[in-house]
Every structure is written in structure tokens, then in C-alpha cells.
Amino acid sequence: MQNGRIGIFDSGVGGLTVLRELYWQLPGESILYFADTARLPYGTREPVQIQQFVREILTWMVQQQVKMVVMACNTSDALALEVLRSEFDLPIIGLILPGSRAAVRSGKRIGVIATPATVKSNTYRRAILELDPTVQVWQVACPEFVPLIEQNKINHPYTRQVARAYLAPLLEQQIDTLVYGCTHYPLMAPVIRRILPHSVQLVDPAVHVVAAAAQELDLLGYRNPRPLLPTRFGVSGSPELFAQLSVQWLGCTIKVEHVNLTKVRAQPAEISSRAQSQI
């Protein structure tokens, strides 16, 4: 179990923000990264679709003998984490609770920008208010951010226009903290930071989910004792496009493989047994 990789997945390049934190905080761990680029974006899909997509990803990751999975996708966390934890017998770490804990430590007037599906689920609002009922929370859905980032248009004038429109209602509420409720959104930091007052604290759940993963590794005794393996990258869409887009975020050219995910049904006992037998 100690020798297995940490699995991490997202719909696209957003999860690279979590991967960078894994490199920084857990430099001794080997990693398997998967991006479901063929079905991106996740943020406008229905819960049942997201749950099925994540089920297929986790099934594949179990087959690759990962020892833990980090959901580098807030939408998957919001709509599938609790359902899928009951189907798979391995640690699955989500972003929303660690991110919410960091938010309530940061301020009292908290804004959350996220995908439409994450906002609709109210998962961030509930988590934050359960941690501190005295804070105020405002959420804004930002459906255009992920496509713009995946199209490499962060510095386009239209992107700045969209960002100003999304952040306007939060500025009206005089927020003191902004939570990146999607792992793609820290890639928008240069644009967002220019719009927000310097007094607004930015919370990136990626930092805190990796800290939670580190604690879980220590608790379970799963720290890797062997030499580091190269990070393995897989995508459901075009390996070439993903490799090209990821260079600016990782600072190097990566080898990416195409992965054909198998359609699976929710069969908790069978999947749990398979997880135990293959790890």
C-alpha cells in the first residue's frame, strides 16, 4: 500500500494547481494524474452524470493500484464524494471541507466563485456555515471560466470583462475573503487579483486539501518509502492538447497517455472487493 501512487483527477488542467501543491508538500510521493478532457466541463452537468464519470475514473485508478485519491475537482466533490466513498475501499480526499476550514479562519464575509453545479449544490455554503454560523457567505457561478482557461484565453480582454461581471456582486457585498471553488480558478489569479481590493484574502483549497492528504497518509502509515516514480499523466481526450496546455503551468513538457475509461455500474460490494484485491 505504501508503494502505490496517489491518484489525482480533474476534468482538465485545473487539477494541475493541486498537483503543484502535491509536488511542494509531498515531494516523496509518486502521482497518477487523470484529466477527463473528453467530457469537460463538469460544472454544467447533472449530479448523476458526475457521479458516473467519477465512478469510472475511480474504477480505473483502483486498477492502477493507487493508494489514495485526491479529488482535484470541486464539482466532483460537491456532487459525488459522499456517494462514491461508500463504493470504494480506499481514502478519497475532497477539496471543499479543507477549503471551507481555511475560509472561516480567514474572514467573516466570504465569497465563493465556483461552477454552476457546485453553486447549485450549496455544498460550500453548508460546509462554511457548519464550521462558523456567524459568517456570511455569497456564491457566484462562473460558467465561462473553465472553457476560457482550457482555451488558453486567460489574458484575453473578454476574459477580463467576464471576470469583472462575475466578481461585481461580491464586491458589492464587501467580501473580505474569496474562495476559489474550482481548481481551474487559481490559474485566473492575475486577472482576479487586479479586480479585487488588496484587502481581500484569496483561499486556494488546493493548498489545504494536500495538507489533509498528508495528514491522512501519516495516520494510515501510507508514506512512500521507495524512490520516487515519474508522474504519470492520462487523459480521456487529446494527449497532445493537454500536454501543450500544461507546459505553462508545470514549466516542462510532459508525456501524456490516452485512457479509455470503461463504463461501470454502481455495485458497492463488487467494487469494494475489487479495490481490496488489487491494492
C-alpha atoms as a PDB file:
ATOM      1  CA  MET A   1       0.000   0.000   0.000  1.00  0.00           C
ATOM      2  CA  GLN A   2       2.827   2.423   0.834  1.00  0.00           C
ATOM      3  CA  ASN A   3       4.348   1.934  -2.599  1.00  0.00           C
ATOM      4  CA  GLY A   4       1.231   2.921  -4.563  1.00  0.00           C
ATOM      5  CA  ARG A   5       0.823   6.258  -6.275  1.00  0.00           C
ATOM      6  CA  ILE A   6      -1.537   8.997  -5.133  1.00  0.00           C
ATOM      7  CA  GLY A   7      -4.289   9.342  -7.719  1.00  0.00           C
ATOM      8  CA  ILE A   8      -5.498  12.821  -8.590  1.00  0.00           C
ATOM      9  CA  PHE A   9      -8.158  13.772 -11.125  1.00  0.00           C
ATOM     10  CA  ASP A  10      -9.969  16.728 -12.615  1.00  0.00           C
ATOM     11  CA  SER A  11     -11.914  17.494 -15.773  1.00  0.00           C
ATOM     12  CA  GLY A  12      -8.878  19.263 -17.249  1.00  0.00           C
ATOM     13  CA  VAL A  13      -5.834  21.381 -16.388  1.00  0.00           C
ATOM     14  CA  GLY A  14      -7.388  22.846 -13.232  1.00  0.00           C
ATOM     15  CA  GLY A  15      -6.174  19.906 -11.190  1.00  0.00           C
ATOM     16  CA  LEU A  16      -2.614  20.912 -12.015  1.00  0.00           C
ATOM     17  CA  THR A  17      -2.962  23.531  -9.274  1.00  0.00           C
ATOM     18  CA  VAL A  18      -3.402  20.631  -6.835  1.00  0.00           C
ATOM     19  CA  LEU A  19      -0.608  18.663  -8.489  1.00  0.00           C
ATOM     20  CA  ARG A  20       1.791  21.567  -7.931  1.00  0.00           C
ATOM     21  CA  GLU A  21       0.883  21.580  -4.243  1.00  0.00           C
ATOM     22  CA  LEU A  22       1.480  17.832  -4.070  1.00  0.00           C
ATOM     23  CA  TYR A  23       4.947  18.356  -5.546  1.00  0.00           C
ATOM     24  CA  TRP A  24       5.613  21.064  -2.965  1.00  0.00           C
ATOM     25  CA  GLN A  25       4.137  19.481   0.167  1.00  0.00           C
ATOM     26  CA  LEU A  26       4.644  15.770  -0.605  1.00  0.00           C
ATOM     27  CA  PRO A  27       7.805  15.612  -2.729  1.00  0.00           C
ATOM     28  CA  GLY A  28       8.413  11.968  -1.850  1.00  0.00           C
ATOM     29  CA  GLU A  29       5.116  10.676  -3.261  1.00  0.00           C
ATOM     30  CA  SER A  30       4.571   9.217  -6.743  1.00  0.00           C
ATOM     31  CA  ILE A  31       1.486  10.504  -8.534  1.00  0.00           C
ATOM     32  CA  LEU A  32      -1.024   9.425 -11.177  1.00  0.00           C
ATOM     33  CA  TYR A  33      -2.874  12.371 -12.754  1.00  0.00           C
ATOM     34  CA  PHE A  34      -6.007  11.931 -14.860  1.00  0.00           C
ATOM     35  CA  ALA A  35      -7.915  14.640 -16.758  1.00  0.00           C
ATOM     36  CA  ASP A  36     -11.344  13.809 -18.168  1.00  0.00           C
ATOM     37  CA  THR A  37     -10.900  16.239 -21.048  1.00  0.00           C
ATOM     38  CA  ALA A  38     -13.257  14.376 -23.383  1.00  0.00           C
ATOM     39  CA  ARG A  39     -16.184  15.284 -21.093  1.00  0.00           C
ATOM     40  CA  LEU A  40     -15.105  18.746 -19.948  1.00  0.00           C
ATOM     41  CA  PRO A  41     -16.567  20.919 -18.486  1.00  0.00           C
ATOM     42  CA  TYR A  42     -18.106  19.140 -15.495  1.00  0.00           C
ATOM     43  CA  GLY A  43     -19.607  22.267 -13.971  1.00  0.00           C
ATOM     44  CA  THR A  44     -22.752  22.399 -16.109  1.00  0.00           C
ATOM     45  CA  ARG A  45     -23.639  18.699 -15.852  1.00  0.00           C
ATOM     46  CA  GLU A  46     -26.224  16.905 -13.721  1.00  0.00           C
ATOM     47  CA  PRO A  47     -25.261  15.113 -10.474  1.00  0.00           C
ATOM     48  CA  VAL A  48     -25.992  11.645 -11.865  1.00  0.00           C
ATOM     49  CA  GLN A  49     -23.610  12.288 -14.766  1.00  0.00           C
ATOM     50  CA  ILE A  50     -20.826  13.499 -12.489  1.00  0.00           C
ATOM     51  CA  GLN A  51     -21.266  10.507 -10.206  1.00  0.00           C
ATOM     52  CA  GLN A  52     -20.982   8.123 -13.148  1.00  0.00           C
ATOM     53  CA  PHE A  53     -17.926   9.892 -14.551  1.00  0.00           C
ATOM     54  CA  VAL A  54     -16.168   9.780 -11.178  1.00  0.00           C
ATOM     55  CA  ARG A  55     -17.149   6.142 -10.684  1.00  0.00           C
ATOM     56  CA  GLU A  56     -15.441   5.266 -13.965  1.00  0.00           C
ATOM     57  CA  ILE A  57     -12.332   7.284 -13.068  1.00  0.00           C
ATOM     58  CA  LEU A  58     -12.039   5.718  -9.620  1.00  0.00           C
ATOM     59  CA  THR A  59     -12.521   2.229 -11.032  1.00  0.00           C
ATOM     60  CA  TRP A  60      -9.628   2.839 -13.434  1.00  0.00           C
ATOM     61  CA  MET A  61      -7.464   4.293 -10.683  1.00  0.00           C
ATOM     62  CA  VAL A  62      -8.068   1.268  -8.476  1.00  0.00           C
ATOM     63  CA  GLN A  63      -6.939  -0.900 -11.389  1.00  0.00           C
ATOM     64  CA  GLN A  64      -3.735   1.184 -11.468  1.00  0.00           C
ATOM     65  CA  GLN A  65      -3.225   0.327  -7.778  1.00  0.00           C
ATOM     66  CA  VAL A  66      -3.332   3.830  -6.320  1.00  0.00           C
ATOM     67  CA  LYS A  67      -3.258   4.022  -2.523  1.00  0.00           C
ATOM     68  CA  MET A  68      -5.292   7.233  -2.193  1.00  0.00           C
ATOM     69  CA  VAL A  69      -7.304   9.552  -4.423  1.00  0.00           C
ATOM     70  CA  VAL A  70      -7.417  13.343  -4.216  1.00  0.00           C
ATOM     71  CA  MET A  71     -10.446  14.838  -5.944  1.00  0.00           C
ATOM     72  CA  ALA A  72      -8.916  17.862  -7.671  1.00  0.00           C
ATOM     73  CA  CYS A  73     -12.381  18.869  -8.855  1.00  0.00           C
ATOM     74  CA  ASN A  74     -14.792  20.789  -6.624  1.00  0.00           C
ATOM     75  CA  THR A  75     -17.797  19.785  -8.726  1.00  0.00           C
ATOM     76  CA  SER A  76     -16.969  16.108  -8.243  1.00  0.00           C
ATOM     77  CA  ASP A  77     -16.531  16.715  -4.520  1.00  0.00           C
ATOM     78  CA  ALA A  78     -19.860  18.540  -4.252  1.00  0.00           C
ATOM     79  CA  LEU A  79     -21.896  16.015  -6.244  1.00  0.00           C
ATOM     80  CA  ALA A  80     -20.149  12.659  -5.937  1.00  0.00           C
ATOM     81  CA  LEU A  81     -17.798  12.407  -2.951  1.00  0.00           C
ATOM     82  CA  GLU A  82     -20.205  11.021  -0.369  1.00  0.00           C
ATOM     83  CA  VAL A  83     -21.845   8.635  -2.838  1.00  0.00           C
ATOM     84  CA  LEU A  84     -18.556   7.236  -4.131  1.00  0.00           C
ATOM     85  CA  ARG A  85     -16.867   6.876  -0.742  1.00  0.00           C
ATOM     86  CA  SER A  86     -19.397   4.169   0.041  1.00  0.00           C
ATOM     87  CA  GLU A  87     -18.467   2.269  -3.129  1.00  0.00           C
ATOM     88  CA  PHE A  88     -14.658   2.312  -2.957  1.00  0.00           C
ATOM     89  CA  ASP A  89     -12.469   0.959  -0.198  1.00  0.00           C
ATOM     90  CA  LEU A  90      -9.623   3.489  -0.293  1.00  0.00           C
ATOM     91  CA  PRO A  91      -9.098   7.006   1.083  1.00  0.00           C
ATOM     92  CA  ILE A  92     -10.740   9.689  -1.082  1.00  0.00           C
ATOM     93  CA  ILE A  93      -9.931  13.276  -0.129  1.00  0.00           C
ATOM     94  CA  GLY A  94     -12.114  16.184  -1.242  1.00  0.00           C
ATOM     95  CA  LEU A  95     -11.404  19.906  -1.540  1.00  0.00           C
ATOM     96  CA  ILE A  96     -14.476  21.531  -0.058  1.00  0.00           C
ATOM     97  CA  LEU A  97     -14.078  20.791   3.656  1.00  0.00           C
ATOM     98  CA  PRO A  98     -10.367  21.780   3.811  1.00  0.00           C
ATOM     99  CA  GLY A  99     -11.125  24.881   1.735  1.00  0.00           C
ATOM    100  CA  SER A 100     -14.053  25.839   3.963  1.00  0.00           C
ATOM    101  CA  ARG A 101     -11.952  25.479   7.106  1.00  0.00           C
ATOM    102  CA  ALA A 102      -9.382  27.827   5.625  1.00  0.00           C
ATOM    103  CA  ALA A 103     -12.104  30.314   4.641  1.00  0.00           C
ATOM    104  CA  VAL A 104     -13.574  30.649   8.133  1.00  0.00           C
ATOM    105  CA  ARG A 105     -10.064  31.200   9.510  1.00  0.00           C
ATOM    106  CA  SER A 106      -9.583  33.998   7.002  1.00  0.00           C
ATOM    107  CA  GLY A 107     -12.668  36.181   7.307  1.00  0.00           C
ATOM    108  CA  LYS A 108     -16.326  36.780   8.102  1.00  0.00           C
ATOM    109  CA  ARG A 109     -17.666  37.949   4.738  1.00  0.00           C
ATOM    110  CA  ILE A 110     -16.867  35.095   2.407  1.00  0.00           C
ATOM    111  CA  GLY A 111     -17.378  34.954  -1.326  1.00  0.00           C
ATOM    112  CA  VAL A 112     -17.213  31.689  -3.256  1.00  0.00           C
ATOM    113  CA  ILE A 113     -16.745  31.518  -7.015  1.00  0.00           C
ATOM    114  CA  ALA A 114     -17.467  28.097  -8.473  1.00  0.00           C
ATOM    115  CA  THR A 115     -19.086  26.196 -11.317  1.00  0.00           C
ATOM    116  CA  PRO A 116     -22.880  26.316 -11.689  1.00  0.00           C
ATOM    117  CA  ALA A 117     -23.177  22.725 -10.420  1.00  0.00           C
ATOM    118  CA  THR A 118     -21.106  23.417  -7.300  1.00  0.00           C
ATOM    119  CA  VAL A 119     -23.033  26.601  -6.529  1.00  0.00           C
ATOM    120  CA  LYS A 120     -26.372  24.858  -7.067  1.00  0.00           C
ATOM    121  CA  SER A 121     -25.369  22.100  -4.651  1.00  0.00           C
ATOM    122  CA  ASN A 122     -24.765  24.687  -1.870  1.00  0.00           C
ATOM    123  CA  THR A 123     -22.031  22.386  -0.540  1.00  0.00           C
ATOM    124  CA  TYR A 124     -19.603  25.223   0.149  1.00  0.00           C
ATOM    125  CA  ARG A 125     -22.225  27.357   1.866  1.00  0.00           C
ATOM    126  CA  ARG A 126     -23.312  24.492   4.106  1.00  0.00           C
ATOM    127  CA  ALA A 127     -19.757  23.498   4.990  1.00  0.00           C
ATOM    128  CA  ILE A 128     -18.716  27.060   5.835  1.00  0.00           C
ATOM    129  CA  LEU A 129     -21.808  27.784   7.930  1.00  0.00           C
ATOM    130  CA  GLU A 130     -21.498  24.494   9.798  1.00  0.00           C
ATOM    131  CA  LEU A 131     -17.962  25.470  10.744  1.00  0.00           C
ATOM    132  CA  ASP A 132     -18.922  29.025  11.747  1.00  0.00           C
ATOM    133  CA  PRO A 133     -22.603  30.051  11.758  1.00  0.00           C
ATOM    134  CA  THR A 134     -21.635  33.695  12.366  1.00  0.00           C
ATOM    135  CA  VAL A 135     -20.067  34.255   8.941  1.00  0.00           C
ATOM    136  CA  GLN A 136     -21.880  35.436   5.817  1.00  0.00           C
ATOM    137  CA  VAL A 137     -21.469  33.570   2.535  1.00  0.00           C
ATOM    138  CA  TRP A 138     -22.187  34.640  -1.035  1.00  0.00           C
ATOM    139  CA  GLN A 139     -21.750  32.312  -4.008  1.00  0.00           C
ATOM    140  CA  VAL A 140     -21.377  33.193  -7.696  1.00  0.00           C
ATOM    141  CA  ALA A 141     -21.474  30.708 -10.561  1.00  0.00           C
ATOM    142  CA  CYS A 142     -18.797  31.330 -13.200  1.00  0.00           C
ATOM    143  CA  PRO A 143     -19.683  29.051 -16.133  1.00  0.00           C
ATOM    144  CA  GLU A 144     -17.342  30.694 -18.646  1.00  0.00           C
ATOM    145  CA  PHE A 145     -14.119  30.492 -16.643  1.00  0.00           C
ATOM    146  CA  VAL A 146     -13.270  26.830 -17.276  1.00  0.00           C
ATOM    147  CA  PRO A 147     -13.796  26.949 -21.083  1.00  0.00           C
ATOM    148  CA  LEU A 148     -11.757  30.165 -21.295  1.00  0.00           C
ATOM    149  CA  ILE A 149      -8.900  28.642 -19.295  1.00  0.00           C
ATOM    150  CA  GLU A 150      -8.939  25.412 -21.291  1.00  0.00           C
ATOM    151  CA  GLN A 151      -8.843  27.508 -24.494  1.00  0.00           C
ATOM    152  CA  ASN A 152      -5.792  29.364 -23.136  1.00  0.00           C
ATOM    153  CA  LYS A 153      -7.596  32.730 -23.169  1.00  0.00           C
ATOM    154  CA  ILE A 154      -6.811  33.912 -19.634  1.00  0.00           C
ATOM    155  CA  ASN A 155      -5.240  37.159 -20.833  1.00  0.00           C
ATOM    156  CA  HIS A 156      -7.891  37.902 -23.446  1.00  0.00           C
ATOM    157  CA  PRO A 157      -9.836  41.178 -22.962  1.00  0.00           C
ATOM    158  CA  TYR A 158     -13.125  39.246 -22.999  1.00  0.00           C
ATOM    159  CA  THR A 159     -11.918  37.131 -20.058  1.00  0.00           C
ATOM    160  CA  ARG A 160     -11.230  40.259 -18.023  1.00  0.00           C
ATOM    161  CA  GLN A 161     -14.712  41.539 -18.894  1.00  0.00           C
ATOM    162  CA  VAL A 162     -16.315  38.275 -17.771  1.00  0.00           C
ATOM    163  CA  ALA A 163     -14.298  38.246 -14.543  1.00  0.00           C
ATOM    164  CA  ARG A 164     -15.403  41.770 -13.660  1.00  0.00           C
ATOM    165  CA  ALA A 165     -19.046  40.785 -14.200  1.00  0.00           C
ATOM    166  CA  TYR A 166     -18.733  37.670 -12.018  1.00  0.00           C
ATOM    167  CA  LEU A 167     -16.962  39.499  -9.191  1.00  0.00           C
ATOM    168  CA  ALA A 168     -19.205  42.586  -9.188  1.00  0.00           C
ATOM    169  CA  PRO A 169     -21.905  41.206  -6.835  1.00  0.00           C
ATOM    170  CA  LEU A 170     -19.232  40.029  -4.390  1.00  0.00           C
ATOM    171  CA  LEU A 171     -17.584  43.439  -4.417  1.00  0.00           C
ATOM    172  CA  GLU A 172     -20.976  44.983  -3.673  1.00  0.00           C
ATOM    173  CA  GLN A 173     -21.168  42.794  -0.551  1.00  0.00           C
ATOM    174  CA  GLN A 174     -17.703  43.951   0.522  1.00  0.00           C
ATOM    175  CA  ILE A 175     -16.306  40.468   0.958  1.00  0.00           C
ATOM    176  CA  ASP A 176     -13.077  40.067   2.919  1.00  0.00           C
ATOM    177  CA  THR A 177     -12.332  36.545   1.643  1.00  0.00           C
ATOM    178  CA  LEU A 178     -12.682  34.874  -1.748  1.00  0.00           C
ATOM    179  CA  VAL A 179     -12.623  31.092  -2.129  1.00  0.00           C
ATOM    180  CA  TYR A 180     -11.562  29.558  -5.413  1.00  0.00           C
ATOM    181  CA  GLY A 181     -14.379  26.997  -5.608  1.00  0.00           C
ATOM    182  CA  CYS A 182     -12.915  25.384  -8.735  1.00  0.00           C
ATOM    183  CA  THR A 183      -9.332  24.182  -9.181  1.00  0.00           C
ATOM    184  CA  HIS A 184      -9.145  25.961 -12.540  1.00  0.00           C
ATOM    185  CA  TYR A 185      -9.721  29.349 -10.955  1.00  0.00           C
ATOM    186  CA  PRO A 186      -6.301  29.903  -9.282  1.00  0.00           C
ATOM    187  CA  LEU A 187      -4.980  29.993 -12.851  1.00  0.00           C
ATOM    188  CA  MET A 188      -7.066  33.184 -13.178  1.00  0.00           C
ATOM    189  CA  ALA A 189      -5.298  34.791 -10.208  1.00  0.00           C
ATOM    190  CA  PRO A 190      -3.531  37.555 -12.217  1.00  0.00           C
ATOM    191  CA  VAL A 191      -6.899  38.690 -13.588  1.00  0.00           C
ATOM    192  CA  ILE A 192      -8.846  38.312 -10.347  1.00  0.00           C
ATOM    193  CA  ARG A 193      -6.229  39.992  -8.184  1.00  0.00           C
ATOM    194  CA  ARG A 194      -6.375  43.142 -10.357  1.00  0.00           C
ATOM    195  CA  ILE A 195     -10.140  43.397  -9.832  1.00  0.00           C
ATOM    196  CA  LEU A 196     -10.315  42.755  -6.085  1.00  0.00           C
ATOM    197  CA  PRO A 197      -9.139  45.138  -3.360  1.00  0.00           C
ATOM    198  CA  HIS A 198      -5.788  44.089  -1.892  1.00  0.00           C
ATOM    199  CA  SER A 199      -7.502  43.598   1.472  1.00  0.00           C
ATOM    200  CA  VAL A 200      -9.480  40.600   0.162  1.00  0.00           C
ATOM    201  CA  GLN A 201      -7.827  37.323   1.141  1.00  0.00           C
ATOM    202  CA  LEU A 202      -7.726  34.592  -1.502  1.00  0.00           C
ATOM    203  CA  VAL A 203      -8.260  30.992  -0.382  1.00  0.00           C
ATOM    204  CA  ASP A 204      -6.985  28.237  -2.649  1.00  0.00           C
ATOM    205  CA  PRO A 205      -8.392  24.897  -1.398  1.00  0.00           C
ATOM    206  CA  ALA A 206      -5.600  23.093  -3.280  1.00  0.00           C
ATOM    207  CA  VAL A 207      -3.150  24.111  -0.569  1.00  0.00           C
ATOM    208  CA  HIS A 208      -5.362  22.750   2.158  1.00  0.00           C
ATOM    209  CA  VAL A 209      -6.522  19.525   0.508  1.00  0.00           C
ATOM    210  CA  VAL A 210      -2.903  18.448   0.090  1.00  0.00           C
ATOM    211  CA  ALA A 211      -2.251  19.209   3.752  1.00  0.00           C
ATOM    212  CA  ALA A 212      -5.261  16.999   4.570  1.00  0.00           C
ATOM    213  CA  ALA A 213      -3.894  14.260   2.306  1.00  0.00           C
ATOM    214  CA  ALA A 214      -0.534  14.441   4.091  1.00  0.00           C
ATOM    215  CA  GLN A 215      -2.249  14.011   7.457  1.00  0.00           C
ATOM    216  CA  GLU A 216      -4.180  11.011   6.127  1.00  0.00           C
ATOM    217  CA  LEU A 217      -1.002   9.400   4.809  1.00  0.00           C
ATOM    218  CA  ASP A 218       0.623   9.772   8.203  1.00  0.00           C
ATOM    219  CA  LEU A 219      -2.438   8.463  10.021  1.00  0.00           C
ATOM    220  CA  LEU A 220      -2.621   5.345   7.836  1.00  0.00           C
ATOM    221  CA  GLY A 221       1.125   4.819   7.624  1.00  0.00           C
ATOM    222  CA  TYR A 222       0.992   5.159   3.824  1.00  0.00           C
ATOM    223  CA  ARG A 223       4.047   7.397   3.248  1.00  0.00           C
ATOM    224  CA  ASN A 224       6.106   6.214   0.302  1.00  0.00           C
ATOM    225  CA  PRO A 225       9.371   4.538   1.455  1.00  0.00           C
ATOM    226  CA  ARG A 226      10.751   3.894  -2.026  1.00  0.00           C
ATOM    227  CA  PRO A 227      12.419   6.030  -4.719  1.00  0.00           C
ATOM    228  CA  LEU A 228      10.091   8.457  -6.484  1.00  0.00           C
ATOM    229  CA  LEU A 229       8.476   7.371  -9.748  1.00  0.00           C
ATOM    230  CA  PRO A 230       7.873   9.873 -12.579  1.00  0.00           C
ATOM    231  CA  THR A 231       4.386  11.392 -12.549  1.00  0.00           C
ATOM    232  CA  ARG A 232       2.095   9.506 -14.894  1.00  0.00           C
ATOM    233  CA  PHE A 233      -0.430  11.580 -16.877  1.00  0.00           C
ATOM    234  CA  GLY A 234      -3.570  10.238 -18.553  1.00  0.00           C
ATOM    235  CA  VAL A 235      -6.452  11.941 -20.347  1.00  0.00           C
ATOM    236  CA  SER A 236      -9.698  10.821 -21.937  1.00  0.00           C
ATOM    237  CA  GLY A 237      -9.354  13.377 -24.746  1.00  0.00           C
ATOM    238  CA  SER A 238      -6.349  14.569 -26.744  1.00  0.00           C
ATOM    239  CA  PRO A 239      -2.951  13.878 -25.104  1.00  0.00           C
ATOM    240  CA  GLU A 240      -1.283  16.406 -27.402  1.00  0.00           C
ATOM    241  CA  LEU A 241      -3.622  19.261 -26.475  1.00  0.00           C
ATOM    242  CA  PHE A 242      -3.311  18.559 -22.769  1.00  0.00           C
ATOM    243  CA  ALA A 243       0.474  18.360 -22.941  1.00  0.00           C
ATOM    244  CA  GLN A 244       0.638  21.636 -24.860  1.00  0.00           C
ATOM    245  CA  LEU A 245      -1.653  23.499 -22.454  1.00  0.00           C
ATOM    246  CA  SER A 246       0.021  22.137 -19.325  1.00  0.00           C
ATOM    247  CA  VAL A 247       3.504  23.412 -20.195  1.00  0.00           C
ATOM    248  CA  GLN A 248       2.792  26.940 -18.955  1.00  0.00           C
ATOM    249  CA  TRP A 249       1.517  25.641 -15.602  1.00  0.00           C
ATOM    250  CA  LEU A 250       4.130  22.968 -14.966  1.00  0.00           C
ATOM    251  CA  GLY A 251       7.115  24.578 -16.675  1.00  0.00           C
ATOM    252  CA  CYS A 252       8.050  21.432 -18.560  1.00  0.00           C
ATOM    253  CA  THR A 253       6.829  19.173 -21.356  1.00  0.00           C
ATOM    254  CA  ILE A 254       5.084  16.050 -20.115  1.00  0.00           C
ATOM    255  CA  LYS A 255       4.308  12.667 -21.616  1.00  0.00           C
ATOM    256  CA  VAL A 256       0.547  12.085 -21.694  1.00  0.00           C
ATOM    257  CA  GLU A 257      -1.251   8.836 -22.480  1.00  0.00           C
ATOM    258  CA  HIS A 258      -4.786   8.374 -23.762  1.00  0.00           C
ATOM    259  CA  VAL A 259      -7.065   6.419 -21.430  1.00  0.00           C
ATOM    260  CA  ASN A 260     -10.269   4.676 -22.460  1.00  0.00           C
ATOM    261  CA  LEU A 261     -12.481   4.566 -19.390  1.00  0.00           C
ATOM    262  CA  THR A 262     -14.792   1.580 -19.017  1.00  0.00           C
ATOM    263  CA  LYS A 263     -18.450   2.153 -18.255  1.00  0.00           C
ATOM    264  CA  VAL A 264     -19.329   0.640 -14.878  1.00  0.00           C
ATOM    265  CA  ARG A 265     -22.424   0.304 -12.770  1.00  0.00           C
ATOM    266  CA  ALA A 266     -22.735   1.156  -9.096  1.00  0.00           C
ATOM    267  CA  GLN A 267     -22.166  -2.157  -7.340  1.00  0.00           C
ATOM    268  CA  PRO A 268     -20.689  -1.303  -3.954  1.00  0.00           C
ATOM    269  CA  ALA A 269     -19.800  -4.806  -2.780  1.00  0.00           C
ATOM    270  CA  GLU A 270     -18.153  -5.804  -6.038  1.00  0.00           C
ATOM    271  CA  ILE A 271     -16.132  -2.608  -6.428  1.00  0.00           C
ATOM    272  CA  SER A 272     -15.030  -2.636  -2.798  1.00  0.00           C
ATOM    273  CA  SER A 273     -13.862  -6.220  -3.143  1.00  0.00           C
ATOM    274  CA  ARG A 274     -12.007  -5.379  -6.325  1.00  0.00           C
ATOM    275  CA  ALA A 275     -10.303  -2.462  -4.607  1.00  0.00           C
ATOM    276  CA  GLN A 276      -9.115  -4.665  -1.748  1.00  0.00           C
ATOM    277  CA  SER A 277      -7.807  -7.370  -4.070  1.00  0.00           C
ATOM    278  CA  GLN A 278      -5.835  -5.036  -6.332  1.00  0.00           C
ATOM    279  CA  ILE A 279      -4.163  -2.712  -3.832  1.00  0.00           C
END
